[in-house]
Amino acid sequence: MADDVAQRALEAIEIAKNTGKVKKGINEVTKALERGTAKLVAFAKDVQPAELTIHLPMLAKEKGVPCVQVNSKEELGAAAGIGIPTSAVAVIAEGDAKKLIADLKG
């Protein structure tokens, strides 16, 4: 189940990067959440130390934003279209991923 959600989140990020807007990196994602501009947050399970991303799910929950953990920084970087691993990504403008993101909210 969790893998399915992670795959859908990665797909949403890929679509949003082409038709909307994404922010990459823990600091950018944290700022997007604090400002209330994030529509979806995804972070990598393999971030070291784990404390770097531990605040993201709590902050996202507080803001009512879906937050998904994906398997690797490589996967997340590829979905965001940057070709290098990234720890966290936030979708700021959904673009064509609006329905996918709405589904992730449940």
PDB file of N, CA and C in Angstrom:
ATOM      1  N   MET A   1       0.826  -1.204   0.000  1.00  0.00           N
ATOM      2  CA  MET A   1       0.000   0.000   0.000  1.00  0.00           C
ATOM      3  C   MET A   1       0.867   1.264   0.000  1.00  0.00           C
ATOM      4  N   ALA A   2       1.844   1.304   0.893  1.00  0.00           N
ATOM      5  CA  ALA A   2       2.704   2.489   0.998  1.00  0.00           C
ATOM      6  C   ALA A   2       3.478   2.724  -0.298  1.00  0.00           C
ATOM      7  N   ASP A   3       3.922   1.624  -0.937  1.00  0.00           N
ATOM      8  CA  ASP A   3       4.655   1.760  -2.195  1.00  0.00           C
ATOM      9  C   ASP A   3       3.785   2.355  -3.288  1.00  0.00           C
ATOM     10  N   ASP A   4       2.509   1.969  -3.283  1.00  0.00           N
ATOM     11  CA  ASP A   4       1.555   2.487  -4.258  1.00  0.00           C
ATOM     12  C   ASP A   4       1.393   3.998  -4.080  1.00  0.00           C
ATOM     13  N   VAL A   5       1.269   4.417  -2.831  1.00  0.00           N
ATOM     14  CA  VAL A   5       1.138   5.847  -2.519  1.00  0.00           C
ATOM     15  C   VAL A   5       2.413   6.581  -2.938  1.00  0.00           C
ATOM     16  N   ALA A   6       3.563   5.994  -2.651  1.00  0.00           N
ATOM     17  CA  ALA A   6       4.847   6.606  -3.025  1.00  0.00           C
ATOM     18  C   ALA A   6       4.942   6.754  -4.543  1.00  0.00           C
ATOM     19  N   GLN A   7       4.532   5.718  -5.272  1.00  0.00           N
ATOM     20  CA  GLN A   7       4.583   5.778  -6.740  1.00  0.00           C
ATOM     21  C   GLN A   7       3.674   6.883  -7.267  1.00  0.00           C
ATOM     22  N   ARG A   8       2.477   7.004  -6.686  1.00  0.00           N
ATOM     23  CA  ARG A   8       1.539   8.039  -7.132  1.00  0.00           C
ATOM     24  C   ARG A   8       2.087   9.430  -6.809  1.00  0.00           C
ATOM     25  N   ALA A   9       2.753   9.556  -5.665  1.00  0.00           N
ATOM     26  CA  ALA A   9       3.343  10.848  -5.290  1.00  0.00           C
ATOM     27  C   ALA A   9       4.455  11.217  -6.265  1.00  0.00           C
ATOM     28  N   LEU A  10       5.303  10.242  -6.617  1.00  0.00           N
ATOM     29  CA  LEU A  10       6.390  10.494  -7.567  1.00  0.00           C
ATOM     30  C   LEU A  10       5.830  10.881  -8.936  1.00  0.00           C
ATOM     31  N   GLU A  11       4.757  10.194  -9.325  1.00  0.00           N
ATOM     32  CA  GLU A  11       4.100  10.503 -10.600  1.00  0.00           C
ATOM     33  C   GLU A  11       3.557  11.937 -10.575  1.00  0.00           C
ATOM     34  N   ALA A  12       2.929  12.311  -9.465  1.00  0.00           N
ATOM     35  CA  ALA A  12       2.382  13.667  -9.316  1.00  0.00           C
ATOM     36  C   ALA A  12       3.494  14.712  -9.408  1.00  0.00           C
ATOM     37  N   ILE A  13       4.641  14.413  -8.799  1.00  0.00           N
ATOM     38  CA  ILE A  13       5.784  15.340  -8.840  1.00  0.00           C
ATOM     39  C   ILE A  13       6.288  15.485 -10.276  1.00  0.00           C
ATOM     40  N   GLU A  14       6.378  14.345 -10.992  1.00  0.00           N
ATOM     41  CA  GLU A  14       6.825  14.396 -12.387  1.00  0.00           C
ATOM     42  C   GLU A  14       5.899  15.249 -13.236  1.00  0.00           C
ATOM     43  N   ILE A  15       4.599  15.063 -13.068  1.00  0.00           N
ATOM     44  CA  ILE A  15       3.619  15.824 -13.846  1.00  0.00           C
ATOM     45  C   ILE A  15       3.685  17.302 -13.456  1.00  0.00           C
ATOM     46  N   ALA A  16       3.762  17.562 -12.155  1.00  0.00           N
ATOM     47  CA  ALA A  16       3.794  18.953 -11.666  1.00  0.00           C
ATOM     48  C   ALA A  16       5.055  19.680 -12.133  1.00  0.00           C
ATOM     49  N   LYS A  17       6.184  18.960 -12.214  1.00  0.00           N
ATOM     50  CA  LYS A  17       7.412  19.626 -12.652  1.00  0.00           C
ATOM     51  C   LYS A  17       7.289  20.094 -14.100  1.00  0.00           C
ATOM     52  N   ASN A  18       6.495  19.374 -14.905  1.00  0.00           N
ATOM     53  CA  ASN A  18       6.308  19.743 -16.306  1.00  0.00           C
ATOM     54  C   ASN A  18       5.211  20.777 -16.523  1.00  0.00           C
ATOM     55  N   THR A  19       4.168  20.735 -15.684  1.00  0.00           N
ATOM     56  CA  THR A  19       3.008  21.590 -15.947  1.00  0.00           C
ATOM     57  C   THR A  19       2.712  22.568 -14.818  1.00  0.00           C
ATOM     58  N   GLY A  20       3.433  22.435 -13.719  1.00  0.00           N
ATOM     59  CA  GLY A  20       3.201  23.311 -12.570  1.00  0.00           C
ATOM     60  C   GLY A  20       4.526  23.814 -12.034  1.00  0.00           C
ATOM     61  N   LYS A  21       4.726  23.665 -10.721  1.00  0.00           N
ATOM     62  CA  LYS A  21       5.969  24.143 -10.126  1.00  0.00           C
ATOM     63  C   LYS A  21       6.324  23.299  -8.905  1.00  0.00           C
ATOM     64  N   VAL A  22       7.611  22.944  -8.784  1.00  0.00           N
ATOM     65  CA  VAL A  22       8.069  22.192  -7.617  1.00  0.00           C
ATOM     66  C   VAL A  22       9.252  22.899  -6.963  1.00  0.00           C
ATOM     67  N   LYS A  23       9.388  22.701  -5.655  1.00  0.00           N
ATOM     68  CA  LYS A  23      10.537  23.204  -4.899  1.00  0.00           C
ATOM     69  C   LYS A  23      11.313  21.986  -4.431  1.00  0.00           C
ATOM     70  N   LYS A  24      12.657  22.085  -4.468  1.00  0.00           N
ATOM     71  CA  LYS A  24      13.494  20.953  -4.111  1.00  0.00           C
ATOM     72  C   LYS A  24      14.402  21.302  -2.937  1.00  0.00           C
ATOM     73  N   GLY A  25      14.621  20.325  -2.065  1.00  0.00           N
ATOM     74  CA  GLY A  25      15.494  20.517  -0.913  1.00  0.00           C
ATOM     75  C   GLY A  25      14.705  20.728   0.361  1.00  0.00           C
ATOM     76  N   ILE A  26      15.272  20.285   1.463  1.00  0.00           N
ATOM     77  CA  ILE A  26      14.583  20.333   2.756  1.00  0.00           C
ATOM     78  C   ILE A  26      14.214  21.767   3.145  1.00  0.00           C
ATOM     79  N   ASN A  27      15.140  22.709   2.972  1.00  0.00           N
ATOM     80  CA  ASN A  27      14.843  24.100   3.370  1.00  0.00           C
ATOM     81  C   ASN A  27      13.720  24.700   2.544  1.00  0.00           C
ATOM     82  N   GLU A  28      13.764  24.495   1.221  1.00  0.00           N
ATOM     83  CA  GLU A  28      12.724  25.025   0.337  1.00  0.00           C
ATOM     84  C   GLU A  28      11.366  24.410   0.664  1.00  0.00           C
ATOM     85  N   VAL A  29      11.361  23.100   0.937  1.00  0.00           N
ATOM     86  CA  VAL A  29      10.121  22.392   1.250  1.00  0.00           C
ATOM     87  C   VAL A  29       9.554  22.896   2.581  1.00  0.00           C
ATOM     88  N   THR A  30      10.433  23.071   3.573  1.00  0.00           N
ATOM     89  CA  THR A  30       9.995  23.576   4.877  1.00  0.00           C
ATOM     90  C   THR A  30       9.385  24.969   4.725  1.00  0.00           C
ATOM     91  N   LYS A  31      10.041  25.828   3.945  1.00  0.00           N
ATOM     92  CA  LYS A  31       9.521  27.188   3.724  1.00  0.00           C
ATOM     93  C   LYS A  31       8.168  27.147   3.022  1.00  0.00           C
ATOM     94  N   ALA A  32       8.040  26.268   2.029  1.00  0.00           N
ATOM     95  CA  ALA A  32       6.776  26.148   1.293  1.00  0.00           C
ATOM     96  C   ALA A  32       5.648  25.719   2.228  1.00  0.00           C
ATOM     97  N   LEU A  33       5.946  24.795   3.136  1.00  0.00           N
ATOM     98  CA  LEU A  33       4.937  24.354   4.106  1.00  0.00           C
ATOM     99  C   LEU A  33       4.568  25.491   5.058  1.00  0.00           C
ATOM    100  N   GLU A  34       5.591  26.169   5.575  1.00  0.00           N
ATOM    101  CA  GLU A  34       5.338  27.261   6.526  1.00  0.00           C
ATOM    102  C   GLU A  34       4.536  28.393   5.898  1.00  0.00           C
ATOM    103  N   ARG A  35       4.790  28.646   4.607  1.00  0.00           N
ATOM    104  CA  ARG A  35       4.074  29.724   3.906  1.00  0.00           C
ATOM    105  C   ARG A  35       2.694  29.291   3.425  1.00  0.00           C
ATOM    106  N   GLY A  36       2.427  27.988   3.527  1.00  0.00           N
ATOM    107  CA  GLY A  36       1.133  27.484   3.079  1.00  0.00           C
ATOM    108  C   GLY A  36       1.017  27.345   1.569  1.00  0.00           C
ATOM    109  N   THR A  37       2.142  27.293   0.860  1.00  0.00           N
ATOM    110  CA  THR A  37       2.092  27.180  -0.599  1.00  0.00           C
ATOM    111  C   THR A  37       2.235  25.739  -1.088  1.00  0.00           C
ATOM    112  N   ALA A  38       2.672  24.831  -0.221  1.00  0.00           N
ATOM    113  CA  ALA A  38       2.874  23.438  -0.629  1.00  0.00           C
ATOM    114  C   ALA A  38       1.530  22.728  -0.789  1.00  0.00           C
ATOM    115  N   LYS A  39       1.409  21.968  -1.876  1.00  0.00           N
ATOM    116  CA  LYS A  39       0.195  21.176  -2.132  1.00  0.00           C
ATOM    117  C   LYS A  39       0.449  19.697  -1.854  1.00  0.00           C
ATOM    118  N   LEU A  40       1.716  19.306  -1.982  1.00  0.00           N
ATOM    119  CA  LEU A  40       2.125  17.922  -1.743  1.00  0.00           C
ATOM    120  C   LEU A  40       3.593  17.938  -1.343  1.00  0.00           C
ATOM    121  N   VAL A  41       3.942  17.131  -0.356  1.00  0.00           N
ATOM    122  CA  VAL A  41       5.336  17.026   0.074  1.00  0.00           C
ATOM    123  C   VAL A  41       5.756  15.565  -0.008  1.00  0.00           C
ATOM    124  N   ALA A  42       6.948  15.339  -0.526  1.00  0.00           N
ATOM    125  CA  ALA A  42       7.514  13.993  -0.539  1.00  0.00           C
ATOM    126  C   ALA A  42       8.945  14.096  -0.021  1.00  0.00           C
ATOM    127  N   PHE A  43       9.334  13.114   0.796  1.00  0.00           N
ATOM    128  CA  PHE A  43      10.712  13.103   1.292  1.00  0.00           C
ATOM    129  C   PHE A  43      11.251  11.683   1.226  1.00  0.00           C
ATOM    130  N   ALA A  44      12.574  11.574   1.160  1.00  0.00           N
ATOM    131  CA  ALA A  44      13.218  10.275   0.980  1.00  0.00           C
ATOM    132  C   ALA A  44      13.477   9.578   2.312  1.00  0.00           C
ATOM    133  N   LYS A  45      13.290   8.262   2.296  1.00  0.00           N
ATOM    134  CA  LYS A  45      13.508   7.422   3.470  1.00  0.00           C
ATOM    135  C   LYS A  45      14.992   7.320   3.809  1.00  0.00           C
ATOM    136  N   ASP A  46      15.869   7.466   2.792  1.00  0.00           N
ATOM    137  CA  ASP A  46      17.297   7.235   3.008  1.00  0.00           C
ATOM    138  C   ASP A  46      18.097   8.497   3.347  1.00  0.00           C
ATOM    139  N   VAL A  47      17.424   9.517   3.838  1.00  0.00           N
ATOM    140  CA  VAL A  47      18.122  10.745   4.248  1.00  0.00           C
ATOM    141  C   VAL A  47      18.896  10.460   5.536  1.00  0.00           C
ATOM    142  N   GLN A  48      20.162  10.886   5.567  1.00  0.00           N
ATOM    143  CA  GLN A  48      21.003  10.713   6.762  1.00  0.00           C
ATOM    144  C   GLN A  48      21.508  12.064   7.231  1.00  0.00           C
ATOM    145  N   PRO A  49      21.442  12.425   8.482  1.00  0.00           N
ATOM    146  CA  PRO A  49      20.664  11.733   9.507  1.00  0.00           C
ATOM    147  C   PRO A  49      19.160  11.946   9.311  1.00  0.00           C
ATOM    148  N   ALA A  50      18.354  11.008   9.771  1.00  0.00           N
ATOM    149  CA  ALA A  50      16.903  11.044   9.593  1.00  0.00           C
ATOM    150  C   ALA A  50      16.277  12.304  10.211  1.00  0.00           C
ATOM    151  N   GLU A  51      16.963  12.882  11.212  1.00  0.00           N
ATOM    152  CA  GLU A  51      16.453  14.090  11.880  1.00  0.00           C
ATOM    153  C   GLU A  51      16.231  15.251  10.918  1.00  0.00           C
ATOM    154  N   LEU A  52      16.932  15.239   9.796  1.00  0.00           N
ATOM    155  CA  LEU A  52      16.813  16.331   8.826  1.00  0.00           C
ATOM    156  C   LEU A  52      15.395  16.466   8.278  1.00  0.00           C
ATOM    157  N   THR A  53      14.683  15.338   8.135  1.00  0.00           N
ATOM    158  CA  THR A  53      13.343  15.399   7.549  1.00  0.00           C
ATOM    159  C   THR A  53      12.237  15.068   8.547  1.00  0.00           C
ATOM    160  N   ILE A  54      12.603  14.825   9.801  1.00  0.00           N
ATOM    161  CA  ILE A  54      11.630  14.361  10.788  1.00  0.00           C
ATOM    162  C   ILE A  54      10.481  15.362  11.027  1.00  0.00           C
ATOM    163  N   HIS A  55      10.739  16.645  10.793  1.00  0.00           N
ATOM    164  CA  HIS A  55       9.712  17.663  11.035  1.00  0.00           C
ATOM    165  C   HIS A  55       8.695  17.768   9.898  1.00  0.00           C
ATOM    166  N   LEU A  56       9.038  17.259   8.725  1.00  0.00           N
ATOM    167  CA  LEU A  56       8.167  17.439   7.553  1.00  0.00           C
ATOM    168  C   LEU A  56       6.773  16.819   7.699  1.00  0.00           C
ATOM    169  N   PRO A  57       6.662  15.531   8.119  1.00  0.00           N
ATOM    170  CA  PRO A  57       5.306  14.966   8.247  1.00  0.00           C
ATOM    171  C   PRO A  57       4.435  15.721   9.255  1.00  0.00           C
ATOM    172  N   MET A  58       5.031  16.157  10.362  1.00  0.00           N
ATOM    173  CA  MET A  58       4.253  16.877  11.385  1.00  0.00           C
ATOM    174  C   MET A  58       3.786  18.230  10.861  1.00  0.00           C
ATOM    175  N   LEU A  59       4.693  18.944  10.205  1.00  0.00           N
ATOM    176  CA  LEU A  59       4.364  20.249   9.653  1.00  0.00           C
ATOM    177  C   LEU A  59       3.307  20.121   8.559  1.00  0.00           C
ATOM    178  N   ALA A  60       3.459  19.101   7.726  1.00  0.00           N
ATOM    179  CA  ALA A  60       2.500  18.875   6.644  1.00  0.00           C
ATOM    180  C   ALA A  60       1.115  18.562   7.208  1.00  0.00           C
ATOM    181  N   LYS A  61       1.078  17.739   8.256  1.00  0.00           N
ATOM    182  CA  LYS A  61      -0.204  17.369   8.875  1.00  0.00           C
ATOM    183  C   LYS A  61      -0.886  18.612   9.442  1.00  0.00           C
ATOM    184  N   GLU A  62      -0.094  19.443  10.097  1.00  0.00           N
ATOM    185  CA  GLU A  62      -0.579  20.689  10.674  1.00  0.00           C
ATOM    186  C   GLU A  62      -1.207  21.590   9.604  1.00  0.00           C
ATOM    187  N   LYS A  63      -0.614  21.575   8.407  1.00  0.00           N
ATOM    188  CA  LYS A  63      -1.073  22.436   7.309  1.00  0.00           C
ATOM    189  C   LYS A  63      -2.090  21.736   6.404  1.00  0.00           C
ATOM    190  N   GLY A  64      -2.392  20.456   6.698  1.00  0.00           N
ATOM    191  CA  GLY A  64      -3.351  19.720   5.880  1.00  0.00           C
ATOM    192  C   GLY A  64      -2.831  19.366   4.497  1.00  0.00           C
ATOM    193  N   VAL A  65      -1.519  19.149   4.411  1.00  0.00           N
ATOM    194  CA  VAL A  65      -0.880  18.841   3.130  1.00  0.00           C
ATOM    195  C   VAL A  65      -0.484  17.364   3.127  1.00  0.00           C
ATOM    196  N   PRO A  66      -0.797  16.627   2.033  1.00  0.00           N
ATOM    197  CA  PRO A  66      -0.353  15.230   1.998  1.00  0.00           C
ATOM    198  C   PRO A  66       1.179  15.144   2.002  1.00  0.00           C
ATOM    199  N   CYS A  67       1.692  14.235   2.818  1.00  0.00           N
ATOM    200  CA  CYS A  67       3.143  14.069   2.946  1.00  0.00           C
ATOM    201  C   CYS A  67       3.456  12.589   2.740  1.00  0.00           C
ATOM    202  N   VAL A  68       4.318  12.307   1.783  1.00  0.00           N
ATOM    203  CA  VAL A  68       4.595  10.926   1.407  1.00  0.00           C
ATOM    204  C   VAL A  68       6.083  10.631   1.525  1.00  0.00           C
ATOM    205  N   GLN A  69       6.389   9.471   2.125  1.00  0.00           N
ATOM    206  CA  GLN A  69       7.786   9.039   2.195  1.00  0.00           C
ATOM    207  C   GLN A  69       8.063   8.122   1.007  1.00  0.00           C
ATOM    208  N   VAL A  70       9.114   8.430   0.246  1.00  0.00           N
ATOM    209  CA  VAL A  70       9.501   7.582  -0.883  1.00  0.00           C
ATOM    210  C   VAL A  70      10.803   6.855  -0.525  1.00  0.00           C
ATOM    211  N   ASN A  71      11.125   5.822  -1.303  1.00  0.00           N
ATOM    212  CA  ASN A  71      12.256   4.969  -0.949  1.00  0.00           C
ATOM    213  C   ASN A  71      13.619   5.627  -0.994  1.00  0.00           C
ATOM    214  N   SER A  72      13.872   6.466  -2.005  1.00  0.00           N
ATOM    215  CA  SER A  72      15.233   6.973  -2.131  1.00  0.00           C
ATOM    216  C   SER A  72      15.310   8.397  -2.654  1.00  0.00           C
ATOM    217  N   LYS A  73      16.420   9.035  -2.323  1.00  0.00           N
ATOM    218  CA  LYS A  73      16.706  10.396  -2.801  1.00  0.00           C
ATOM    219  C   LYS A  73      16.861  10.390  -4.321  1.00  0.00           C
ATOM    220  N   GLU A  74      17.406   9.273  -4.861  1.00  0.00           N
ATOM    221  CA  GLU A  74      17.596   9.154  -6.313  1.00  0.00           C
ATOM    222  C   GLU A  74      16.251   9.219  -7.027  1.00  0.00           C
ATOM    223  N   GLU A  75      15.286   8.430  -6.519  1.00  0.00           N
ATOM    224  CA  GLU A  75      13.933   8.406  -7.081  1.00  0.00           C
ATOM    225  C   GLU A  75      13.314   9.798  -7.064  1.00  0.00           C
ATOM    226  N   LEU A  76      13.465  10.462  -5.944  1.00  0.00           N
ATOM    227  CA  LEU A  76      12.876  11.789  -5.765  1.00  0.00           C
ATOM    228  C   LEU A  76      13.530  12.803  -6.707  1.00  0.00           C
ATOM    229  N   GLY A  77      14.846  12.749  -6.824  1.00  0.00           N
ATOM    230  CA  GLY A  77      15.557  13.644  -7.732  1.00  0.00           C
ATOM    231  C   GLY A  77      15.142  13.425  -9.174  1.00  0.00           C
ATOM    232  N   ALA A  78      14.980  12.147  -9.551  1.00  0.00           N
ATOM    233  CA  ALA A  78      14.568  11.818 -10.918  1.00  0.00           C
ATOM    234  C   ALA A  78      13.161  12.346 -11.191  1.00  0.00           C
ATOM    235  N   ALA A  79      12.262  12.163 -10.232  1.00  0.00           N
ATOM    236  CA  ALA A  79      10.882  12.633 -10.402  1.00  0.00           C
ATOM    237  C   ALA A  79      10.837  14.153 -10.528  1.00  0.00           C
ATOM    238  N   ALA A  80      11.710  14.828  -9.779  1.00  0.00           N
ATOM    239  CA  ALA A  80      11.745  16.294  -9.813  1.00  0.00           C
ATOM    240  C   ALA A  80      12.486  16.810 -11.045  1.00  0.00           C
ATOM    241  N   GLY A  81      13.113  15.885 -11.781  1.00  0.00           N
ATOM    242  CA  GLY A  81      13.763  16.239 -13.030  1.00  0.00           C
ATOM    243  C   GLY A  81      15.105  16.934 -12.877  1.00  0.00           C
ATOM    244  N   ILE A  82      15.801  16.686 -11.751  1.00  0.00           N
ATOM    245  CA  ILE A  82      17.071  17.380 -11.549  1.00  0.00           C
ATOM    246  C   ILE A  82      18.299  16.494 -11.756  1.00  0.00           C
ATOM    247  N   GLY A  83      18.075  15.182 -11.896  1.00  0.00           N
ATOM    248  CA  GLY A  83      19.187  14.292 -12.215  1.00  0.00           C
ATOM    249  C   GLY A  83      20.180  14.049 -11.095  1.00  0.00           C
ATOM    250  N   ILE A  84      19.959  14.660  -9.949  1.00  0.00           N
ATOM    251  CA  ILE A  84      20.795  14.380  -8.769  1.00  0.00           C
ATOM    252  C   ILE A  84      19.853  14.063  -7.613  1.00  0.00           C
ATOM    253  N   PRO A  85      20.318  13.276  -6.642  1.00  0.00           N
ATOM    254  CA  PRO A  85      19.443  12.922  -5.519  1.00  0.00           C
ATOM    255  C   PRO A  85      18.988  14.165  -4.749  1.00  0.00           C
ATOM    256  N   THR A  86      17.749  14.147  -4.261  1.00  0.00           N
ATOM    257  CA  THR A  86      17.262  15.226  -3.416  1.00  0.00           C
ATOM    258  C   THR A  86      16.494  14.630  -2.251  1.00  0.00           C
ATOM    259  N   SER A  87      16.569  15.283  -1.103  1.00  0.00           N
ATOM    260  CA  SER A  87      15.974  14.744   0.118  1.00  0.00           C
ATOM    261  C   SER A  87      14.480  14.973   0.204  1.00  0.00           C
ATOM    262  N   ALA A  88      14.024  16.111  -0.347  1.00  0.00           N
ATOM    263  CA  ALA A  88      12.606  16.446  -0.225  1.00  0.00           C
ATOM    264  C   ALA A  88      12.173  17.302  -1.408  1.00  0.00           C
ATOM    265  N   VAL A  89      10.895  17.159  -1.758  1.00  0.00           N
ATOM    266  CA  VAL A  89      10.309  17.943  -2.850  1.00  0.00           C
ATOM    267  C   VAL A  89       8.917  18.380  -2.417  1.00  0.00           C
ATOM    268  N   ALA A  90       8.567  19.619  -2.750  1.00  0.00           N
ATOM    269  CA  ALA A  90       7.203  20.099  -2.518  1.00  0.00           C
ATOM    270  C   ALA A  90       6.625  20.541  -3.848  1.00  0.00           C
ATOM    271  N   VAL A  91       5.377  20.167  -4.091  1.00  0.00           N
ATOM    272  CA  VAL A  91       4.669  20.667  -5.270  1.00  0.00           C
ATOM    273  C   VAL A  91       3.999  21.960  -4.843  1.00  0.00           C
ATOM    274  N   ILE A  92       4.310  23.064  -5.552  1.00  0.00           N
ATOM    275  CA  ILE A  92       3.761  24.383  -5.240  1.00  0.00           C
ATOM    276  C   ILE A  92       2.551  24.676  -6.123  1.00  0.00           C
ATOM    277  N   ALA A  93       2.687  24.369  -7.414  1.00  0.00           N
ATOM    278  CA  ALA A  93       1.575  24.525  -8.356  1.00  0.00           C
ATOM    279  C   ALA A  93       1.346  23.158  -8.985  1.00  0.00           C
ATOM    280  N   GLU A  94       0.142  22.632  -8.841  1.00  0.00           N
ATOM    281  CA  GLU A  94      -0.127  21.253  -9.250  1.00  0.00           C
ATOM    282  C   GLU A  94      -0.057  21.035 -10.751  1.00  0.00           C
ATOM    283  N   GLY A  95      -0.456  22.041 -11.540  1.00  0.00           N
ATOM    284  CA  GLY A  95      -0.534  21.829 -12.979  1.00  0.00           C
ATOM    285  C   GLY A  95      -1.515  20.709 -13.276  1.00  0.00           C
ATOM    286  N   ASP A  96      -1.124  19.776 -14.132  1.00  0.00           N
ATOM    287  CA  ASP A  96      -1.998  18.661 -14.505  1.00  0.00           C
ATOM    288  C   ASP A  96      -2.051  17.567 -13.431  1.00  0.00           C
ATOM    289  N   ALA A  97      -1.318  17.734 -12.345  1.00  0.00           N
ATOM    290  CA  ALA A  97      -1.294  16.713 -11.287  1.00  0.00           C
ATOM    291  C   ALA A  97      -2.377  16.959 -10.232  1.00  0.00           C
ATOM    292  N   LYS A  98      -3.232  17.940 -10.452  1.00  0.00           N
ATOM    293  CA  LYS A  98      -4.248  18.325  -9.461  1.00  0.00           C
ATOM    294  C   LYS A  98      -5.070  17.129  -8.967  1.00  0.00           C
ATOM    295  N   LYS A  99      -5.572  16.312  -9.886  1.00  0.00           N
ATOM    296  CA  LYS A  99      -6.412  15.173  -9.505  1.00  0.00           C
ATOM    297  C   LYS A  99      -5.607  14.141  -8.723  1.00  0.00           C
ATOM    298  N   LEU A 100      -4.397  13.851  -9.190  1.00  0.00           N
ATOM    299  CA  LEU A 100      -3.537  12.884  -8.492  1.00  0.00           C
ATOM    300  C   LEU A 100      -3.292  13.321  -7.049  1.00  0.00           C
ATOM    301  N   ILE A 101      -2.991  14.600  -6.871  1.00  0.00           N
ATOM    302  CA  ILE A 101      -2.716  15.137  -5.534  1.00  0.00           C
ATOM    303  C   ILE A 101      -3.974  15.095  -4.671  1.00  0.00           C
ATOM    304  N   ALA A 102      -5.116  15.409  -5.276  1.00  0.00           N
ATOM    305  CA  ALA A 102      -6.393  15.350  -4.543  1.00  0.00           C
ATOM    306  C   ALA A 102      -6.651  13.912  -4.074  1.00  0.00           C
ATOM    307  N   ASP A 103      -6.321  12.925  -4.922  1.00  0.00           N
ATOM    308  CA  ASP A 103      -6.486  11.516  -4.547  1.00  0.00           C
ATOM    309  C   ASP A 103      -5.580  11.141  -3.376  1.00  0.00           C
ATOM    310  N   LEU A 104      -4.373  11.709  -3.347  1.00  0.00           N
ATOM    311  CA  LEU A 104      -3.431  11.406  -2.269  1.00  0.00           C
ATOM    312  C   LEU A 104      -3.922  11.955  -0.938  1.00  0.00           C
ATOM    313  N   LYS A 105      -4.678  13.061  -0.997  1.00  0.00           N
ATOM    314  CA  LYS A 105      -5.235  13.639   0.236  1.00  0.00           C
ATOM    315  C   LYS A 105      -6.237  12.683   0.874  1.00  0.00           C
ATOM    316  N   GLY A 106      -6.859  11.856   0.022  1.00  0.00           N
ATOM    317  CA  GLY A 106      -7.803  10.853   0.516  1.00  0.00           C
ATOM    318  C   GLY A 106      -9.180  11.401   0.654  1.00  0.00           C
TER     319      GLY A 106
END
